[in-house]
Amino acid sequence: MRFYQRKFSLAYLLFYWGGLGLALLLLRVSVLESGMFREMKEKAVKRGQIFMLLNNRERLIRYLQSILIGVPTWLVIGILVTFSKEFAREFGIAEEIDPGKSIMFAYAGLAVGDVTIGLVSQWLKSRKKALYVFYAITALFMVLYFTLQWNGSASMMYFLCAALGFGSGFWAIFVTIGAEQFGTNLRATAATTIPNMVRGTVPLMLMLFQFLRSLPGVGYINGGIYTCIIVFAICSIAVLTSKETFHKDLNYEEA
């Protein structure tokens, strides 16, 4: 009976998930190409070549900046939230922390943050100013994460995970900035590869965290603090040196 119920549940999920996937595919097929893209197709320009993002120094810098801007989201999720149980133990929190709950609260915050930053960007008429605001929120709650939890409670940990999720919920704006940094012939390539490159930085951050906490006299908490400082400082420089794209004319191609 239990096997039948499990099999039924799996079929139920596949039916609805598959149906939603097909519905999304139909919606995507019905979306029209932009006028800029149609005009570009008639020209003799290279398009969609990822090596074009790497074979020009100025363009490579833009690409790296676009990647680094989004890294704090995975710094929060990949280290502070995922290892919330271990951090809680080091903080002296007696209650058992469920990492699944931490991730749930963080992603709830991320969803709200993604919607909010879009509104903030429109209000400020700037992508970068909106990022400054959310970077500041993320930095604030990173400080609170390491200072408010000594002998704290599970509810405080979950609250801080949600708050960190909200602060680092700038994924939509970050992808938009990355896309707007490049001409029409490379825009889709940039928009699809940049997020994956950001996800690929997680193992590097984990290795940095593991290295730092293994140093004599550092330990788990300080290793996390130093990792956050190093990564966040590099990403902040990337935001400061990147170009504003809010009012940018996107009707151009990369040579």
Foldseek 3Di string as FASTA:
>chain_A
DVVVVVVVVVVVVCVVVVVVVVVVVVVVVPDDDDPLLVVVVVDPDAFDDPCVCVPDVVSVLLLVLLLLLLQLLCLLLLPCLQCVQVVLVVLVAPDGADSVLLNVLLVVLLVVLQVVLVVVCVVVLWLLVSSVVLLVQLVVLVVCSLPVRRNHYNVVSSVSSNSNSNSSNNVVSSLVLQLLVAAPRYSVVRSVVSVVVSVVCSVVLVVQLVVQCPDPPQHNSNSSVVSCVVSSVVSVVSSVPHDIRSPPDRSDHDD
